[in-house]
């Protein structure tokens, strides 16, 4: 669906590296690419992306 998808949350812009939609499972797949070691901040940022998509973009 998108490459470098920009979302705005609390007045700040964040960029999700890759966004896919699986039509069979009817769900989004969000990918955030990292070069270095995975940190707790990275996991928290990814959780923020998932929560945003769940709250704002998914239909019941």
PDB file of N, CA and C in Angstrom:
ATOM      1  N   UNK A   1       0.802  -1.185   0.000  1.00  0.00           N
ATOM      2  CA  UNK A   1       0.000   0.000   0.000  1.00  0.00           C
ATOM      3  C   UNK A   1       0.856   1.264   0.000  1.00  0.00           C
ATOM      4  N   UNK A   2       1.961   1.223   0.750  1.00  0.00           N
ATOM      5  CA  UNK A   2       2.763   2.449   0.840  1.00  0.00           C
ATOM      6  C   UNK A   2       4.203   2.133   1.212  1.00  0.00           C
ATOM      7  N   UNK A   3       5.063   3.052   0.808  1.00  0.00           N
ATOM      8  CA  UNK A   3       6.461   3.026   1.216  1.00  0.00           C
ATOM      9  C   UNK A   3       6.716   4.374   1.864  1.00  0.00           C
ATOM     10  N   UNK A   4       7.327   4.373   3.028  1.00  0.00           N
ATOM     11  CA  UNK A   4       7.523   5.588   3.816  1.00  0.00           C
ATOM     12  C   UNK A   4       6.183   6.279   4.089  1.00  0.00           C
ATOM     13  N   UNK A   5       5.242   5.512   4.633  1.00  0.00           N
ATOM     14  CA  UNK A   5       3.907   6.018   4.968  1.00  0.00           C
ATOM     15  C   UNK A   5       4.015   6.979   6.148  1.00  0.00           C
ATOM     16  N   UNK A   6       3.546   8.200   5.949  1.00  0.00           N
ATOM     17  CA  UNK A   6       3.611   9.211   7.006  1.00  0.00           C
ATOM     18  C   UNK A   6       2.324   9.193   7.814  1.00  0.00           C
ATOM     19  N   UNK A   7       2.468   9.141   9.129  1.00  0.00           N
ATOM     20  CA  UNK A   7       1.321   9.297  10.017  1.00  0.00           C
ATOM     21  C   UNK A   7       1.635  10.450  10.956  1.00  0.00           C
ATOM     22  N   UNK A   8       0.610  11.170  11.355  1.00  0.00           N
ATOM     23  CA  UNK A   8       0.774  12.293  12.265  1.00  0.00           C
ATOM     24  C   UNK A   8       0.079  11.959  13.571  1.00  0.00           C
ATOM     25  N   UNK A   9       0.821  12.064  14.646  1.00  0.00           N
ATOM     26  CA  UNK A   9       0.312  11.711  15.965  1.00  0.00           C
ATOM     27  C   UNK A   9       0.777  12.769  16.946  1.00  0.00           C
ATOM     28  N   UNK A  10      -0.146  13.436  17.604  1.00  0.00           N
ATOM     29  CA  UNK A  10       0.150  14.520  18.557  1.00  0.00           C
ATOM     30  C   UNK A  10       1.015  15.611  17.937  1.00  0.00           C
ATOM     31  N   UNK A  11       0.737  15.953  16.676  1.00  0.00           N
ATOM     32  CA  UNK A  11       1.447  17.028  16.007  1.00  0.00           C
ATOM     33  C   UNK A  11       2.830  16.668  15.486  1.00  0.00           C
ATOM     34  N   UNK A  12       3.261  15.425  15.659  1.00  0.00           N
ATOM     35  CA  UNK A  12       4.560  14.992  15.156  1.00  0.00           C
ATOM     36  C   UNK A  12       4.363  13.993  14.027  1.00  0.00           C
ATOM     37  N   UNK A  13       5.275  14.008  13.062  1.00  0.00           N
ATOM     38  CA  UNK A  13       5.196  13.094  11.927  1.00  0.00           C
ATOM     39  C   UNK A  13       6.106  11.894  12.174  1.00  0.00           C
ATOM     40  N   UNK A  14       5.578  10.725  11.872  1.00  0.00           N
ATOM     41  CA  UNK A  14       6.325   9.481  11.957  1.00  0.00           C
ATOM     42  C   UNK A  14       6.205   8.779  10.610  1.00  0.00           C
ATOM     43  N   UNK A  15       7.203   7.977  10.275  1.00  0.00           N
ATOM     44  CA  UNK A  15       7.224   7.301   8.973  1.00  0.00           C
ATOM     45  C   UNK A  15       7.375   5.798   9.169  1.00  0.00           C
ATOM     46  N   UNK A  16       6.419   5.058   8.636  1.00  0.00           N
ATOM     47  CA  UNK A  16       6.473   3.598   8.645  1.00  0.00           C
ATOM     48  C   UNK A  16       7.125   3.182   7.328  1.00  0.00           C
ATOM     49  N   UNK A  17       8.139   2.337   7.397  1.00  0.00           N
ATOM     50  CA  UNK A  17       8.920   2.007   6.200  1.00  0.00           C
ATOM     51  C   UNK A  17       8.072   1.325   5.123  1.00  0.00           C
ATOM     52  N   UNK A  18       7.330   0.288   5.471  1.00  0.00           N
ATOM     53  CA  UNK A  18       6.506  -0.427   4.490  1.00  0.00           C
ATOM     54  C   UNK A  18       5.157  -0.765   5.098  1.00  0.00           C
ATOM     55  N   UNK A  19       4.097  -0.593   4.312  1.00  0.00           N
ATOM     56  CA  UNK A  19       2.751  -0.959   4.749  1.00  0.00           C
ATOM     57  C   UNK A  19       2.127  -1.829   3.662  1.00  0.00           C
ATOM     58  N   UNK A  20       1.716  -3.026   4.065  1.00  0.00           N
ATOM     59  CA  UNK A  20       1.044  -3.950   3.162  1.00  0.00           C
ATOM     60  C   UNK A  20      -0.346  -4.235   3.703  1.00  0.00           C
ATOM     61  N   UNK A  21      -1.234  -4.674   2.826  1.00  0.00           N
ATOM     62  CA  UNK A  21      -2.552  -5.139   3.256  1.00  0.00           C
ATOM     63  C   UNK A  21      -2.759  -6.541   2.705  1.00  0.00           C
ATOM     64  N   UNK A  22      -3.067  -7.484   3.578  1.00  0.00           N
ATOM     65  CA  UNK A  22      -3.330  -8.854   3.176  1.00  0.00           C
ATOM     66  C   UNK A  22      -4.833  -9.007   2.956  1.00  0.00           C
ATOM     67  N   UNK A  23      -5.239  -9.170   1.694  1.00  0.00           N
ATOM     68  CA  UNK A  23      -6.654  -9.243   1.362  1.00  0.00           C
ATOM     69  C   UNK A  23      -7.300 -10.538   1.825  1.00  0.00           C
ATOM     70  N   UNK A  24      -6.526 -11.606   1.928  1.00  0.00           N
ATOM     71  CA  UNK A  24      -7.087 -12.880   2.392  1.00  0.00           C
ATOM     72  C   UNK A  24      -7.378 -12.819   3.890  1.00  0.00           C
ATOM     73  N   UNK A  25      -6.412 -12.347   4.666  1.00  0.00           N
ATOM     74  CA  UNK A  25      -6.591 -12.253   6.117  1.00  0.00           C
ATOM     75  C   UNK A  25      -7.286 -10.967   6.544  1.00  0.00           C
ATOM     76  N   UNK A  26      -7.393 -10.006   5.629  1.00  0.00           N
ATOM     77  CA  UNK A  26      -8.000  -8.698   5.898  1.00  0.00           C
ATOM     78  C   UNK A  26      -7.313  -8.003   7.070  1.00  0.00           C
ATOM     79  N   UNK A  27      -5.985  -7.847   6.926  1.00  0.00           N
ATOM     80  CA  UNK A  27      -5.232  -7.170   7.977  1.00  0.00           C
ATOM     81  C   UNK A  27      -4.056  -6.410   7.359  1.00  0.00           C
ATOM     82  N   UNK A  28      -3.578  -5.419   8.086  1.00  0.00           N
ATOM     83  CA  UNK A  28      -2.415  -4.653   7.673  1.00  0.00           C
ATOM     84  C   UNK A  28      -1.154  -5.333   8.185  1.00  0.00           C
ATOM     85  N   UNK A  29      -0.075  -5.192   7.418  1.00  0.00           N
ATOM     86  CA  UNK A  29       1.243  -5.662   7.832  1.00  0.00           C
ATOM     87  C   UNK A  29       2.162  -4.441   7.795  1.00  0.00           C
ATOM     88  N   UNK A  30       2.680  -4.061   8.958  1.00  0.00           N
ATOM     89  CA  UNK A  30       3.540  -2.889   9.081  1.00  0.00           C
ATOM     90  C   UNK A  30       4.969  -3.355   9.289  1.00  0.00           C
ATOM     91  N   UNK A  31       5.911  -2.787   8.517  1.00  0.00           N
ATOM     92  CA  UNK A  31       7.312  -3.162   8.619  1.00  0.00           C
ATOM     93  C   UNK A  31       8.135  -1.903   8.847  1.00  0.00           C
ATOM     94  N   UNK A  32       8.930  -1.923   9.905  1.00  0.00           N
ATOM     95  CA  UNK A  32       9.830  -0.823  10.228  1.00  0.00           C
ATOM     96  C   UNK A  32      11.246  -1.374  10.182  1.00  0.00           C
ATOM     97  N   UNK A  33      12.037  -0.945   9.214  1.00  0.00           N
ATOM     98  CA  UNK A  33      13.384  -1.474   9.015  1.00  0.00           C
ATOM     99  C   UNK A  33      14.376  -0.822   9.976  1.00  0.00           C
ATOM    100  N   UNK A  34      15.243  -1.639  10.568  1.00  0.00           N
ATOM    101  CA  UNK A  34      16.275  -1.148  11.481  1.00  0.00           C
ATOM    102  C   UNK A  34      17.625  -1.683  11.038  1.00  0.00           C
ATOM    103  N   UNK A  35      18.667  -0.854  11.164  1.00  0.00           N
ATOM    104  CA  UNK A  35      20.015  -1.259  10.782  1.00  0.00           C
ATOM    105  C   UNK A  35      20.762  -1.804  11.990  1.00  0.00           C
ATOM    106  N   UNK A  36      20.612  -1.146  13.121  1.00  0.00           N
ATOM    107  CA  UNK A  36      21.359  -1.537  14.324  1.00  0.00           C
ATOM    108  C   UNK A  36      20.569  -2.490  15.202  1.00  0.00           C
ATOM    109  N   UNK A  37      20.998  -2.571  16.435  1.00  0.00           N
ATOM    110  CA  UNK A  37      20.389  -3.439  17.425  1.00  0.00           C
ATOM    111  C   UNK A  37      18.988  -2.950  17.793  1.00  0.00           C
ATOM    112  N   UNK A  38      18.065  -3.880  17.971  1.00  0.00           N
ATOM    113  CA  UNK A  38      16.689  -3.555  18.349  1.00  0.00           C
ATOM    114  C   UNK A  38      16.651  -3.097  19.803  1.00  0.00           C
ATOM    115  N   UNK A  39      16.006  -1.952  20.056  1.00  0.00           N
ATOM    116  CA  UNK A  39      15.924  -1.404  21.405  1.00  0.00           C
ATOM    117  C   UNK A  39      14.480  -1.349  21.865  1.00  0.00           C
ATOM    118  N   UNK A  40      14.305  -1.056  23.148  1.00  0.00           N
ATOM    119  CA  UNK A  40      12.956  -0.931  23.702  1.00  0.00           C
ATOM    120  C   UNK A  40      12.195   0.235  23.071  1.00  0.00           C
ATOM    121  N   UNK A  41      12.910   1.287  22.688  1.00  0.00           N
ATOM    122  CA  UNK A  41      12.275   2.424  22.028  1.00  0.00           C
ATOM    123  C   UNK A  41      11.701   2.009  20.676  1.00  0.00           C
ATOM    124  N   UNK A  42      12.409   1.148  19.959  1.00  0.00           N
ATOM    125  CA  UNK A  42      11.920   0.662  18.665  1.00  0.00           C
ATOM    126  C   UNK A  42      10.632  -0.141  18.831  1.00  0.00           C
ATOM    127  N   UNK A  43      10.601  -0.978  19.856  1.00  0.00           N
ATOM    128  CA  UNK A  43       9.406  -1.787  20.109  1.00  0.00           C
ATOM    129  C   UNK A  43       8.237  -0.890  20.493  1.00  0.00           C
ATOM    130  N   UNK A  44       8.486   0.120  21.316  1.00  0.00           N
ATOM    131  CA  UNK A  44       7.432   1.064  21.697  1.00  0.00           C
ATOM    132  C   UNK A  44       6.928   1.854  20.507  1.00  0.00           C
ATOM    133  N   UNK A  45       7.826   2.241  19.609  1.00  0.00           N
ATOM    134  CA  UNK A  45       7.426   2.976  18.415  1.00  0.00           C
ATOM    135  C   UNK A  45       6.561   2.102  17.513  1.00  0.00           C
ATOM    136  N   UNK A  46       6.930   0.829  17.356  1.00  0.00           N
ATOM    137  CA  UNK A  46       6.146  -0.085  16.530  1.00  0.00           C
ATOM    138  C   UNK A  46       4.771  -0.313  17.151  1.00  0.00           C
ATOM    139  N   UNK A  47       4.701  -0.418  18.469  1.00  0.00           N
ATOM    140  CA  UNK A  47       3.414  -0.574  19.143  1.00  0.00           C
ATOM    141  C   UNK A  47       2.541   0.656  18.928  1.00  0.00           C
ATOM    142  N   UNK A  48       3.155   1.840  18.902  1.00  0.00           N
ATOM    143  CA  UNK A  48       2.407   3.056  18.614  1.00  0.00           C
ATOM    144  C   UNK A  48       1.818   3.008  17.202  1.00  0.00           C
ATOM    145  N   UNK A  49       2.601   2.522  16.224  1.00  0.00           N
ATOM    146  CA  UNK A  49       2.100   2.392  14.856  1.00  0.00           C
ATOM    147  C   UNK A  49       0.916   1.429  14.795  1.00  0.00           C
ATOM    148  N   UNK A  50       1.046   0.287  15.454  1.00  0.00           N
ATOM    149  CA  UNK A  50      -0.031  -0.715  15.451  1.00  0.00           C
ATOM    150  C   UNK A  50      -1.286  -0.145  16.102  1.00  0.00           C
ATOM    151  N   UNK A  51      -1.133   0.532  17.228  1.00  0.00           N
ATOM    152  CA  UNK A  51      -2.289   1.140  17.898  1.00  0.00           C
ATOM    153  C   UNK A  51      -2.945   2.196  17.020  1.00  0.00           C
ATOM    154  N   UNK A  52      -2.146   2.993  16.310  1.00  0.00           N
ATOM    155  CA  UNK A  52      -2.694   4.013  15.421  1.00  0.00           C
ATOM    156  C   UNK A  52      -3.516   3.376  14.309  1.00  0.00           C
ATOM    157  N   UNK A  53      -2.964   2.341  13.672  1.00  0.00           N
ATOM    158  CA  UNK A  53      -3.700   1.665  12.596  1.00  0.00           C
ATOM    159  C   UNK A  53      -4.965   1.001  13.122  1.00  0.00           C
ATOM    160  N   UNK A  54      -4.895   0.403  14.293  1.00  0.00           N
ATOM    161  CA  UNK A  54      -6.063  -0.234  14.886  1.00  0.00           C
ATOM    162  C   UNK A  54      -7.159   0.788  15.170  1.00  0.00           C
ATOM    163  N   UNK A  55      -6.777   1.910  15.735  1.00  0.00           N
ATOM    164  CA  UNK A  55      -7.748   2.920  16.145  1.00  0.00           C
ATOM    165  C   UNK A  55      -8.289   3.749  14.972  1.00  0.00           C
ATOM    166  N   UNK A  56      -7.409   4.129  14.029  1.00  0.00           N
ATOM    167  CA  UNK A  56      -7.795   5.099  13.001  1.00  0.00           C
ATOM    168  C   UNK A  56      -8.161   4.504  11.646  1.00  0.00           C
ATOM    169  N   UNK A  57      -7.559   3.388  11.257  1.00  0.00           N
ATOM    170  CA  UNK A  57      -7.708   2.946   9.878  1.00  0.00           C
ATOM    171  C   UNK A  57      -8.460   1.632   9.696  1.00  0.00           C
ATOM    172  N   UNK A  58      -8.658   0.884  10.770  1.00  0.00           N
ATOM    173  CA  UNK A  58      -9.359  -0.396  10.615  1.00  0.00           C
ATOM    174  C   UNK A  58     -10.854  -0.208  10.799  1.00  0.00           C
ATOM    175  N   UNK A  59     -11.618  -0.855   9.948  1.00  0.00           N
ATOM    176  CA  UNK A  59     -13.075  -0.843  10.069  1.00  0.00           C
ATOM    177  C   UNK A  59     -13.531  -2.060  10.837  1.00  0.00           C
ATOM    178  N   UNK A  60     -14.700  -1.947  11.444  1.00  0.00           N
ATOM    179  CA  UNK A  60     -15.242  -3.097  12.180  1.00  0.00           C
ATOM    180  C   UNK A  60     -15.699  -4.161  11.210  1.00  0.00           C
TER     181      UNK A  60
END
